[in-house]
N, C-alpha and C. Protein backbone atom coordinates (compact mmCIF):
# COMPACT_ATOMS: atom_id res chain seq x y z
N ASP A 1 41.49 48.83 -37.83
CA ASP A 1 40.09 48.92 -38.15
C ASP A 1 39.49 47.54 -38.42
N LEU A 2 40.27 46.69 -39.10
CA LEU A 2 39.80 45.34 -39.39
C LEU A 2 39.63 44.54 -38.09
N ASP A 3 40.54 44.71 -37.13
CA ASP A 3 40.44 44.02 -35.84
C ASP A 3 39.19 44.46 -35.09
N LEU A 4 38.87 45.75 -35.19
CA LEU A 4 37.67 46.28 -34.54
C LEU A 4 36.42 45.65 -35.14
N LEU A 5 36.39 45.50 -36.47
CA LEU A 5 35.25 44.87 -37.14
C LEU A 5 35.10 43.41 -36.73
N PHE A 6 36.23 42.69 -36.63
CA PHE A 6 36.18 41.29 -36.18
C PHE A 6 35.65 41.20 -34.74
N SER A 7 36.11 42.09 -33.89
CA SER A 7 35.65 42.10 -32.50
C SER A 7 34.16 42.39 -32.42
N ILE A 8 33.71 43.38 -33.19
CA ILE A 8 32.28 43.72 -33.21
C ILE A 8 31.48 42.53 -33.76
N GLY A 9 32.00 41.89 -34.81
CA GLY A 9 31.33 40.73 -35.40
C GLY A 9 31.22 39.58 -34.39
N ASN A 10 32.30 39.34 -33.64
CA ASN A 10 32.27 38.29 -32.61
C ASN A 10 31.24 38.60 -31.53
N VAL A 11 31.20 39.87 -31.10
CA VAL A 11 30.25 40.27 -30.06
C VAL A 11 28.82 40.10 -30.58
N ILE A 12 28.58 40.52 -31.82
CA ILE A 12 27.24 40.38 -32.42
C ILE A 12 26.89 38.90 -32.56
N GLY A 13 27.84 38.08 -32.99
CA GLY A 13 27.59 36.64 -33.12
C GLY A 13 27.24 36.00 -31.78
N ILE A 14 27.99 36.38 -30.76
CA ILE A 14 27.71 35.86 -29.41
C ILE A 14 26.34 36.32 -28.93
N ALA A 15 26.01 37.59 -29.19
CA ALA A 15 24.71 38.13 -28.77
C ALA A 15 23.57 37.40 -29.48
N VAL A 16 23.74 37.14 -30.79
CA VAL A 16 22.70 36.43 -31.55
C VAL A 16 22.55 35.00 -31.02
N GLU A 17 23.66 34.33 -30.74
CA GLU A 17 23.61 32.96 -30.20
C GLU A 17 22.96 32.95 -28.82
N ASN A 18 23.32 33.93 -27.99
CA ASN A 18 22.70 34.03 -26.66
C ASN A 18 21.20 34.26 -26.77
N ALA A 19 20.78 35.10 -27.71
CA ALA A 19 19.34 35.36 -27.90
C ALA A 19 18.63 34.08 -28.33
N ARG A 20 19.27 33.32 -29.23
CA ARG A 20 18.67 32.06 -29.69
C ARG A 20 18.57 31.06 -28.53
N LEU A 21 19.63 30.94 -27.75
CA LEU A 21 19.63 30.02 -26.60
C LEU A 21 18.60 30.45 -25.55
N TYR A 22 18.47 31.76 -25.34
CA TYR A 22 17.48 32.27 -24.39
C TYR A 22 16.07 31.92 -24.85
N LYS A 23 15.80 32.12 -26.15
CA LYS A 23 14.48 31.80 -26.70
C LYS A 23 14.20 30.30 -26.57
N GLU A 24 15.21 29.48 -26.88
CA GLU A 24 15.06 28.02 -26.78
C GLU A 24 14.83 27.60 -25.33
N SER A 25 15.57 28.19 -24.40
CA SER A 25 15.39 27.89 -22.98
C SER A 25 14.00 28.27 -22.51
N LYS A 26 13.52 29.41 -22.96
CA LYS A 26 12.19 29.88 -22.58
C LYS A 26 11.11 28.92 -23.11
N GLU A 27 11.27 28.46 -24.36
CA GLU A 27 10.32 27.50 -24.94
C GLU A 27 10.36 26.17 -24.17
N ASN A 28 11.57 25.71 -23.83
CA ASN A 28 11.70 24.45 -23.07
C ASN A 28 11.08 24.59 -21.68
N LEU A 29 11.26 25.75 -21.06
CA LEU A 29 10.66 25.99 -19.75
C LEU A 29 9.14 25.95 -19.84
N GLN A 30 8.58 26.53 -20.87
CA GLN A 30 7.13 26.51 -21.06
C GLN A 30 6.63 25.08 -21.26
N LYS A 31 7.38 24.29 -22.04
CA LYS A 31 7.00 22.89 -22.25
C LYS A 31 7.06 22.11 -20.93
N LEU A 32 8.11 22.35 -20.15
CA LEU A 32 8.23 21.68 -18.85
C LEU A 32 7.10 22.08 -17.91
N GLN A 33 6.75 23.36 -17.90
CA GLN A 33 5.66 23.82 -17.04
C GLN A 33 4.34 23.18 -17.45
N LYS A 34 4.11 23.07 -18.76
CA LYS A 34 2.89 22.44 -19.25
C LYS A 34 2.86 20.96 -18.86
N ALA A 35 3.99 20.27 -19.04
CA ALA A 35 4.07 18.85 -18.68
C ALA A 35 3.86 18.67 -17.18
N TYR A 36 4.42 19.57 -16.37
CA TYR A 36 4.26 19.50 -14.92
C TYR A 36 2.79 19.68 -14.54
N GLU A 37 2.13 20.63 -15.14
CA GLU A 37 0.71 20.86 -14.87
C GLU A 37 -0.13 19.65 -15.27
N GLU A 38 0.21 19.03 -16.41
CA GLU A 38 -0.51 17.83 -16.84
C GLU A 38 -0.29 16.68 -15.85
N LEU A 39 0.95 16.53 -15.38
CA LEU A 39 1.24 15.49 -14.39
C LEU A 39 0.50 15.74 -13.08
N GLN A 40 0.42 17.00 -12.67
CA GLN A 40 -0.33 17.32 -11.45
C GLN A 40 -1.80 16.96 -11.62
N ALA A 41 -2.36 17.27 -12.79
CA ALA A 41 -3.77 16.95 -13.05
C ALA A 41 -3.97 15.43 -13.05
N LEU A 42 -3.06 14.69 -13.68
CA LEU A 42 -3.15 13.22 -13.69
C LEU A 42 -3.00 12.65 -12.28
N ASP A 43 -2.10 13.22 -11.49
CA ASP A 43 -1.91 12.76 -10.12
C ASP A 43 -3.17 13.00 -9.30
N LYS A 44 -3.81 14.13 -9.51
CA LYS A 44 -5.05 14.43 -8.80
C LYS A 44 -6.15 13.44 -9.22
N MET A 45 -6.22 13.14 -10.52
CA MET A 45 -7.20 12.17 -11.01
C MET A 45 -6.94 10.79 -10.39
N LYS A 46 -5.66 10.41 -10.30
CA LYS A 46 -5.29 9.12 -9.70
C LYS A 46 -5.73 9.07 -8.24
N ASP A 47 -5.45 10.14 -7.50
CA ASP A 47 -5.85 10.18 -6.09
C ASP A 47 -7.36 10.08 -5.93
N GLU A 48 -8.10 10.78 -6.78
CA GLU A 48 -9.57 10.71 -6.73
C GLU A 48 -10.05 9.31 -7.08
N PHE A 49 -9.41 8.68 -8.07
CA PHE A 49 -9.77 7.33 -8.47
C PHE A 49 -9.54 6.35 -7.31
N ILE A 50 -8.37 6.44 -6.69
CA ILE A 50 -8.06 5.55 -5.56
C ILE A 50 -9.05 5.76 -4.44
N SER A 51 -9.36 7.01 -4.16
CA SER A 51 -10.32 7.31 -3.09
C SER A 51 -11.70 6.74 -3.42
N ASN A 52 -12.16 6.92 -4.65
CA ASN A 52 -13.48 6.41 -5.06
C ASN A 52 -13.53 4.89 -5.04
N VAL A 53 -12.49 4.25 -5.60
CA VAL A 53 -12.45 2.78 -5.63
C VAL A 53 -12.40 2.24 -4.20
N SER A 54 -11.60 2.87 -3.36
CA SER A 54 -11.52 2.42 -1.96
C SER A 54 -12.87 2.51 -1.29
N HIS A 55 -13.57 3.61 -1.51
CA HIS A 55 -14.90 3.77 -0.92
C HIS A 55 -15.86 2.70 -1.46
N GLU A 56 -15.82 2.47 -2.77
CA GLU A 56 -16.72 1.48 -3.38
C GLU A 56 -16.41 0.06 -2.90
N LEU A 57 -15.15 -0.22 -2.59
CA LEU A 57 -14.80 -1.55 -2.08
C LEU A 57 -15.14 -1.69 -0.60
N LYS A 58 -14.98 -0.61 0.15
CA LYS A 58 -15.24 -0.68 1.59
C LYS A 58 -16.73 -0.83 1.89
N THR A 59 -17.58 -0.22 1.08
CA THR A 59 -19.02 -0.25 1.35
C THR A 59 -19.56 -1.67 1.45
N PRO A 60 -19.31 -2.56 0.47
CA PRO A 60 -19.82 -3.93 0.62
C PRO A 60 -19.11 -4.70 1.74
N LEU A 61 -17.85 -4.37 2.00
CA LEU A 61 -17.15 -5.06 3.09
C LEU A 61 -17.78 -4.76 4.44
N ILE A 62 -18.25 -3.55 4.61
CA ILE A 62 -18.91 -3.19 5.87
C ILE A 62 -20.16 -4.05 6.05
N SER A 63 -20.91 -4.25 4.96
CA SER A 63 -22.11 -5.10 5.03
C SER A 63 -21.74 -6.55 5.32
N ILE A 64 -20.72 -7.05 4.63
CA ILE A 64 -20.29 -8.44 4.83
C ILE A 64 -19.88 -8.65 6.29
N LYS A 65 -19.06 -7.74 6.79
CA LYS A 65 -18.60 -7.87 8.17
C LYS A 65 -19.77 -7.72 9.14
N GLY A 66 -20.63 -6.75 8.89
CA GLY A 66 -21.77 -6.52 9.79
C GLY A 66 -22.69 -7.72 9.87
N TYR A 67 -23.05 -8.29 8.72
CA TYR A 67 -23.91 -9.47 8.73
C TYR A 67 -23.19 -10.68 9.31
N GLY A 68 -21.89 -10.79 9.04
CA GLY A 68 -21.11 -11.88 9.64
C GLY A 68 -21.09 -11.79 11.15
N GLU A 69 -20.90 -10.57 11.67
CA GLU A 69 -20.91 -10.39 13.13
C GLU A 69 -22.30 -10.65 13.70
N LEU A 70 -23.32 -10.24 12.96
CA LEU A 70 -24.70 -10.47 13.41
C LEU A 70 -24.97 -11.97 13.53
N LEU A 71 -24.57 -12.72 12.50
CA LEU A 71 -24.74 -14.18 12.54
C LEU A 71 -23.90 -14.79 13.66
N TYR A 72 -22.69 -14.31 13.80
CA TYR A 72 -21.79 -14.85 14.82
C TYR A 72 -22.34 -14.64 16.23
N ASP A 73 -22.93 -13.51 16.45
CA ASP A 73 -23.50 -13.22 17.78
C ASP A 73 -24.78 -14.00 18.04
N GLU A 74 -25.16 -14.86 17.09
CA GLU A 74 -26.32 -15.75 17.22
C GLU A 74 -27.63 -15.00 17.38
N LYS A 75 -27.72 -13.83 16.80
CA LYS A 75 -28.96 -13.08 16.90
C LYS A 75 -30.00 -13.59 15.90
N LEU A 76 -29.55 -14.32 14.89
CA LEU A 76 -30.50 -14.85 13.92
C LEU A 76 -30.92 -16.28 14.27
N ASP A 77 -29.99 -17.14 14.56
CA ASP A 77 -30.26 -18.55 14.92
C ASP A 77 -29.03 -19.11 15.61
N GLY A 78 -29.20 -20.28 16.24
CA GLY A 78 -28.06 -20.96 16.85
C GLY A 78 -27.11 -21.47 15.78
N LEU A 79 -25.81 -21.44 16.06
CA LEU A 79 -24.81 -21.88 15.09
C LEU A 79 -23.99 -23.03 15.66
N SER A 80 -23.56 -23.92 14.75
CA SER A 80 -22.65 -24.99 15.16
C SER A 80 -21.25 -24.39 15.31
N ASP A 81 -20.35 -25.15 15.91
CA ASP A 81 -18.98 -24.68 16.07
C ASP A 81 -18.31 -24.43 14.72
N ASN A 82 -18.56 -25.33 13.75
CA ASN A 82 -17.99 -25.14 12.41
C ASN A 82 -18.51 -23.87 11.75
N GLN A 83 -19.80 -23.60 11.92
CA GLN A 83 -20.37 -22.38 11.35
C GLN A 83 -19.76 -21.15 12.01
N LYS A 84 -19.56 -21.22 13.33
CA LYS A 84 -18.93 -20.09 14.04
C LYS A 84 -17.51 -19.86 13.52
N LYS A 85 -16.75 -20.95 13.36
CA LYS A 85 -15.38 -20.82 12.86
C LYS A 85 -15.37 -20.22 11.45
N SER A 86 -16.32 -20.64 10.63
CA SER A 86 -16.42 -20.09 9.27
C SER A 86 -16.73 -18.60 9.32
N LEU A 87 -17.63 -18.22 10.20
CA LEU A 87 -17.96 -16.80 10.34
C LEU A 87 -16.78 -16.00 10.87
N GLU A 88 -16.00 -16.59 11.76
CA GLU A 88 -14.80 -15.91 12.25
C GLU A 88 -13.84 -15.63 11.09
N VAL A 89 -13.70 -16.61 10.19
CA VAL A 89 -12.84 -16.43 9.03
C VAL A 89 -13.40 -15.32 8.13
N ILE A 90 -14.71 -15.31 7.91
CA ILE A 90 -15.34 -14.27 7.08
C ILE A 90 -15.07 -12.89 7.69
N ILE A 91 -15.28 -12.77 8.98
CA ILE A 91 -15.09 -11.48 9.65
C ILE A 91 -13.62 -11.05 9.59
N ARG A 92 -12.71 -11.99 9.87
CA ARG A 92 -11.27 -11.67 9.82
C ARG A 92 -10.85 -11.26 8.42
N ASN A 93 -11.36 -11.99 7.40
CA ASN A 93 -10.96 -11.66 6.04
C ASN A 93 -11.59 -10.36 5.56
N ALA A 94 -12.77 -10.03 6.05
CA ALA A 94 -13.34 -8.71 5.75
C ALA A 94 -12.44 -7.63 6.35
N ASP A 95 -11.96 -7.89 7.56
CA ASP A 95 -11.02 -6.95 8.19
C ASP A 95 -9.72 -6.87 7.38
N ARG A 96 -9.26 -8.03 6.90
CA ARG A 96 -8.02 -8.07 6.12
C ARG A 96 -8.18 -7.30 4.82
N LEU A 97 -9.31 -7.46 4.14
CA LEU A 97 -9.55 -6.69 2.91
C LEU A 97 -9.64 -5.20 3.21
N THR A 98 -10.22 -4.87 4.33
CA THR A 98 -10.28 -3.46 4.73
C THR A 98 -8.86 -2.93 4.93
N ARG A 99 -8.00 -3.73 5.57
CA ARG A 99 -6.61 -3.31 5.75
C ARG A 99 -5.90 -3.18 4.41
N LEU A 100 -6.20 -4.08 3.46
CA LEU A 100 -5.60 -4.00 2.14
C LEU A 100 -6.00 -2.70 1.44
N ILE A 101 -7.27 -2.38 1.51
CA ILE A 101 -7.75 -1.12 0.93
C ILE A 101 -7.08 0.06 1.62
N ASP A 102 -6.98 -0.02 2.93
CA ASP A 102 -6.31 1.04 3.67
C ASP A 102 -4.84 1.15 3.26
N SER A 103 -4.21 0.01 2.94
CA SER A 103 -2.82 0.03 2.48
C SER A 103 -2.69 0.75 1.14
N ILE A 104 -3.65 0.53 0.26
CA ILE A 104 -3.64 1.24 -1.02
C ILE A 104 -3.74 2.74 -0.78
N LEU A 105 -4.63 3.12 0.11
CA LEU A 105 -4.75 4.54 0.47
C LEU A 105 -3.46 5.03 1.12
N PHE A 106 -2.84 4.18 1.94
CA PHE A 106 -1.59 4.53 2.60
C PHE A 106 -0.50 4.84 1.57
N ILE A 107 -0.37 3.99 0.57
CA ILE A 107 0.65 4.21 -0.46
C ILE A 107 0.39 5.52 -1.18
N SER A 108 -0.86 5.79 -1.47
CA SER A 108 -1.21 7.05 -2.13
C SER A 108 -0.84 8.24 -1.25
N LYS A 109 -1.16 8.14 0.04
CA LYS A 109 -0.82 9.23 0.97
C LYS A 109 0.69 9.35 1.16
N LEU A 110 1.37 8.21 1.19
CA LEU A 110 2.82 8.21 1.36
C LEU A 110 3.47 8.95 0.19
N HIS A 111 2.99 8.66 -1.01
CA HIS A 111 3.47 9.34 -2.20
C HIS A 111 3.25 10.84 -2.11
N ALA A 112 2.14 11.23 -1.53
CA ALA A 112 1.80 12.65 -1.42
C ALA A 112 2.43 13.30 -0.19
N GLY A 113 3.15 12.51 0.62
CA GLY A 113 3.77 13.05 1.82
C GLY A 113 2.79 13.36 2.93
N LYS A 114 1.64 12.68 2.94
CA LYS A 114 0.58 12.95 3.93
C LYS A 114 0.33 11.72 4.80
N ILE A 115 1.37 11.13 5.35
CA ILE A 115 1.18 9.89 6.10
C ILE A 115 1.63 10.03 7.55
N GLU A 116 0.95 9.34 8.42
CA GLU A 116 1.31 9.29 9.83
C GLU A 116 1.40 7.83 10.25
N PHE A 117 2.42 7.49 11.01
CA PHE A 117 2.55 6.15 11.55
C PHE A 117 2.04 6.14 12.98
N HIS A 118 1.45 5.03 13.39
CA HIS A 118 0.93 4.88 14.74
C HIS A 118 1.63 3.67 15.38
N PHE A 119 2.75 3.93 16.04
CA PHE A 119 3.52 2.85 16.64
C PHE A 119 2.92 2.44 17.97
N GLU A 120 2.88 1.13 18.16
CA GLU A 120 2.35 0.57 19.40
C GLU A 120 3.08 -0.74 19.66
N SER A 121 2.94 -1.26 20.86
CA SER A 121 3.53 -2.53 21.21
C SER A 121 2.70 -3.64 20.56
N LEU A 122 3.37 -4.50 19.79
CA LEU A 122 2.69 -5.59 19.08
C LEU A 122 3.20 -6.93 19.59
N ASN A 123 2.31 -7.90 19.68
CA ASN A 123 2.66 -9.25 20.08
C ASN A 123 2.75 -10.11 18.82
N LEU A 124 3.97 -10.50 18.47
CA LEU A 124 4.18 -11.29 17.25
C LEU A 124 3.41 -12.60 17.27
N ASP A 125 3.35 -13.25 18.42
CA ASP A 125 2.65 -14.53 18.51
C ASP A 125 1.18 -14.37 18.13
N GLU A 126 0.53 -13.32 18.63
CA GLU A 126 -0.88 -13.09 18.30
C GLU A 126 -1.06 -12.81 16.81
N ILE A 127 -0.18 -11.99 16.25
CA ILE A 127 -0.27 -11.65 14.82
C ILE A 127 -0.11 -12.90 13.97
N VAL A 128 0.89 -13.72 14.31
CA VAL A 128 1.13 -14.95 13.54
C VAL A 128 -0.04 -15.91 13.70
N GLN A 129 -0.58 -16.04 14.92
CA GLN A 129 -1.69 -16.96 15.16
C GLN A 129 -2.91 -16.57 14.33
N VAL A 130 -3.23 -15.27 14.27
CA VAL A 130 -4.36 -14.80 13.46
C VAL A 130 -4.12 -15.12 11.99
N SER A 131 -2.88 -14.90 11.52
CA SER A 131 -2.57 -15.20 10.12
C SER A 131 -2.71 -16.69 9.83
N ILE A 132 -2.26 -17.53 10.76
CA ILE A 132 -2.39 -18.98 10.57
C ILE A 132 -3.86 -19.36 10.48
N GLU A 133 -4.68 -18.82 11.36
CA GLU A 133 -6.11 -19.14 11.35
C GLU A 133 -6.77 -18.67 10.05
N ASP A 134 -6.34 -17.50 9.55
CA ASP A 134 -6.91 -16.99 8.31
C ASP A 134 -6.66 -17.93 7.13
N PHE A 135 -5.50 -18.58 7.14
CA PHE A 135 -5.13 -19.40 5.99
C PHE A 135 -5.16 -20.89 6.28
N LYS A 136 -5.71 -21.28 7.43
CA LYS A 136 -5.70 -22.69 7.83
C LYS A 136 -6.36 -23.59 6.79
N ARG A 137 -7.55 -23.24 6.34
CA ARG A 137 -8.23 -24.11 5.36
C ARG A 137 -7.45 -24.21 4.06
N MET A 138 -6.92 -23.06 3.60
CA MET A 138 -6.15 -23.07 2.37
C MET A 138 -4.88 -23.91 2.55
N MET A 139 -4.23 -23.79 3.71
CA MET A 139 -3.02 -24.58 3.96
C MET A 139 -3.35 -26.06 4.05
N ASP A 140 -4.46 -26.41 4.72
CA ASP A 140 -4.86 -27.81 4.81
C ASP A 140 -5.15 -28.37 3.42
N LYS A 141 -5.85 -27.59 2.61
CA LYS A 141 -6.21 -28.04 1.26
C LYS A 141 -4.96 -28.28 0.41
N LYS A 142 -3.97 -27.40 0.54
CA LYS A 142 -2.73 -27.54 -0.22
C LYS A 142 -1.72 -28.45 0.48
N GLN A 143 -2.08 -28.95 1.64
CA GLN A 143 -1.20 -29.79 2.45
C GLN A 143 0.10 -29.05 2.78
N ILE A 144 -0.05 -27.82 3.21
CA ILE A 144 1.08 -27.00 3.63
C ILE A 144 1.24 -27.15 5.13
N VAL A 145 2.46 -27.41 5.55
CA VAL A 145 2.76 -27.51 6.98
C VAL A 145 3.34 -26.18 7.42
N PHE A 146 2.78 -25.63 8.47
CA PHE A 146 3.25 -24.34 8.97
C PHE A 146 3.72 -24.53 10.40
N GLU A 147 4.98 -24.24 10.64
CA GLU A 147 5.52 -24.34 11.99
C GLU A 147 5.92 -22.95 12.44
N LYS A 148 5.65 -22.66 13.69
CA LYS A 148 6.08 -21.36 14.21
C LYS A 148 6.93 -21.58 15.45
N ASP A 149 7.94 -20.77 15.58
CA ASP A 149 8.84 -20.84 16.72
C ASP A 149 9.13 -19.40 17.13
N ILE A 150 8.28 -18.89 18.01
CA ILE A 150 8.42 -17.50 18.45
C ILE A 150 8.56 -17.52 19.96
N PRO A 151 9.58 -16.87 20.50
CA PRO A 151 9.76 -16.86 21.95
C PRO A 151 8.59 -16.17 22.64
N GLU A 152 8.39 -16.52 23.92
CA GLU A 152 7.28 -15.93 24.67
C GLU A 152 7.38 -14.41 24.71
N ILE A 153 8.59 -13.90 24.86
CA ILE A 153 8.77 -12.45 24.88
C ILE A 153 8.98 -12.01 23.43
N SER A 154 7.89 -11.73 22.76
CA SER A 154 7.98 -11.38 21.34
C SER A 154 7.24 -10.08 21.06
N LYS A 155 7.49 -9.09 21.89
CA LYS A 155 6.88 -7.78 21.70
C LYS A 155 7.78 -6.93 20.81
N VAL A 156 7.18 -6.26 19.87
CA VAL A 156 7.91 -5.32 19.01
C VAL A 156 7.09 -4.05 18.89
N LYS A 157 7.75 -2.97 18.51
CA LYS A 157 7.05 -1.72 18.25
C LYS A 157 6.81 -1.65 16.75
N GLY A 158 5.59 -1.31 16.37
CA GLY A 158 5.29 -1.19 14.96
C GLY A 158 3.90 -0.65 14.74
N ASP A 159 3.59 -0.40 13.49
CA ASP A 159 2.26 0.05 13.09
C ASP A 159 1.50 -1.20 12.66
N LYS A 160 0.53 -1.61 13.45
CA LYS A 160 -0.17 -2.89 13.24
C LYS A 160 -0.78 -2.99 11.84
N ASP A 161 -1.32 -1.90 11.34
CA ASP A 161 -1.99 -1.93 10.04
C ASP A 161 -1.02 -2.14 8.88
N ARG A 162 0.26 -1.93 9.11
CA ARG A 162 1.23 -2.07 8.04
C ARG A 162 2.23 -3.19 8.32
N PHE A 163 1.91 -4.06 9.24
CA PHE A 163 2.85 -5.06 9.73
C PHE A 163 2.69 -6.42 9.07
N ILE A 164 1.48 -6.79 8.71
CA ILE A 164 1.21 -8.16 8.26
C ILE A 164 1.60 -8.34 6.80
N VAL A 165 2.35 -9.38 6.53
CA VAL A 165 2.79 -9.69 5.17
C VAL A 165 2.43 -11.14 4.87
N MET A 166 1.93 -11.38 3.66
CA MET A 166 1.54 -12.75 3.29
C MET A 166 2.52 -13.27 2.24
N LYS A 167 2.93 -14.51 2.40
CA LYS A 167 3.78 -15.14 1.40
C LYS A 167 3.04 -16.36 0.86
N HIS A 168 3.22 -16.62 -0.42
CA HIS A 168 2.57 -17.77 -1.03
C HIS A 168 3.48 -18.98 -0.93
N THR A 169 2.90 -20.11 -0.67
CA THR A 169 3.64 -21.36 -0.57
C THR A 169 3.00 -22.36 -1.53
N PRO A 170 3.80 -23.05 -2.33
CA PRO A 170 3.24 -24.03 -3.26
C PRO A 170 2.65 -25.22 -2.51
N CYS A 171 1.84 -26.00 -3.23
CA CYS A 171 1.25 -27.21 -2.64
C CYS A 171 2.36 -28.11 -2.09
N TYR A 172 2.05 -28.80 -1.01
CA TYR A 172 2.96 -29.73 -0.35
C TYR A 172 4.23 -29.04 0.16
N GLY A 173 4.20 -27.74 0.28
CA GLY A 173 5.36 -27.01 0.78
C GLY A 173 5.28 -26.83 2.28
N SER A 174 6.23 -26.15 2.81
CA SER A 174 6.18 -25.83 4.24
C SER A 174 6.67 -24.41 4.43
N ARG A 175 6.22 -23.80 5.49
CA ARG A 175 6.62 -22.44 5.82
C ARG A 175 7.07 -22.46 7.26
N ASP A 176 8.25 -21.99 7.50
CA ASP A 176 8.80 -21.98 8.85
C ASP A 176 9.05 -20.53 9.23
N LEU A 177 8.44 -20.07 10.30
CA LEU A 177 8.59 -18.69 10.74
C LEU A 177 9.33 -18.68 12.06
N ARG A 178 10.43 -18.00 12.09
CA ARG A 178 11.22 -17.90 13.32
C ARG A 178 11.53 -16.44 13.59
N TYR A 179 11.46 -16.08 14.83
CA TYR A 179 11.84 -14.74 15.25
C TYR A 179 13.02 -14.90 16.19
N LEU A 180 14.15 -14.34 15.82
CA LEU A 180 15.35 -14.47 16.63
C LEU A 180 15.52 -13.21 17.46
N MET A 181 15.71 -13.40 18.75
CA MET A 181 15.90 -12.26 19.64
C MET A 181 17.24 -11.60 19.33
N PRO A 182 17.30 -10.26 19.31
CA PRO A 182 18.57 -9.57 19.02
C PRO A 182 19.56 -9.74 20.16
């Protein structure tokens, strides 16, 4: 009879412990669900913020680029070669800022799993040349020497909007870019 009471006591003890653990698990699950819902709401707010900021940044860039192109096309007055080159830099950098904003949107979409890549044949020499022209004045001012050594056959497949990378070089430094054929 005593063994039966011990067995019943053990079963009751296990049942009470299981009930306590079940209640604790249920409370933890509710806390996790609440935290998940809060994170989803914050993620949605972040996406809306990125979208709004991107729109607010793109709007003035469109005007800058539009007026730059208008001036460049000489519809307002004749321009000197230096003025044309300056306008080319303005237009290119407006495009570059647009790509930067698009990259921010890209990262947001990538995080959300909503991204598409657009692969095309890219000419490395053209990409590097545009980058050199974009930073020529800054490189001249800092006395940076930039050498490029890219073979004539320098076609690669890639997404042009996500291909360009900028590296900073200290004053009096040099940057050497080489593309080695596989």
